[in-house]
Amino acid sequence: MTTSQVTCKCGDHYERTELISGPPREPETRITFEPLPIETDDGWRVAATFPDGRVEYVTGFMNQEAAVDWIGSPQYLEWIKARGYQ
């Protein structure tokens, strides 16, 4: 079992890092999460950047607070687990 690092960058003033355990993966596996405004009716989205550089977006947040609150929520943990990070 290894530990993966997950970092949330919330603007210029706040960064939260969590360590999550899971099955063996490449050393220093890290997903970075950042709430981003978008110019659609969806409001805010969270950008998840994987260690290989690919980015996946979680959309549909009404405001920045909702996007930040999602990070660390049970739904966030389910999202991570669905992608092989535990």
Foldseek 3Di string as FASTA:
>chain_A
DDKEKEWEDEPPPDMDIDIADAPDDPPHWYWYWYWDADDDPLGIWIWIATPVGDIDIGTRDNYSVSRVVVCVDPVNVVVCVVVRTD
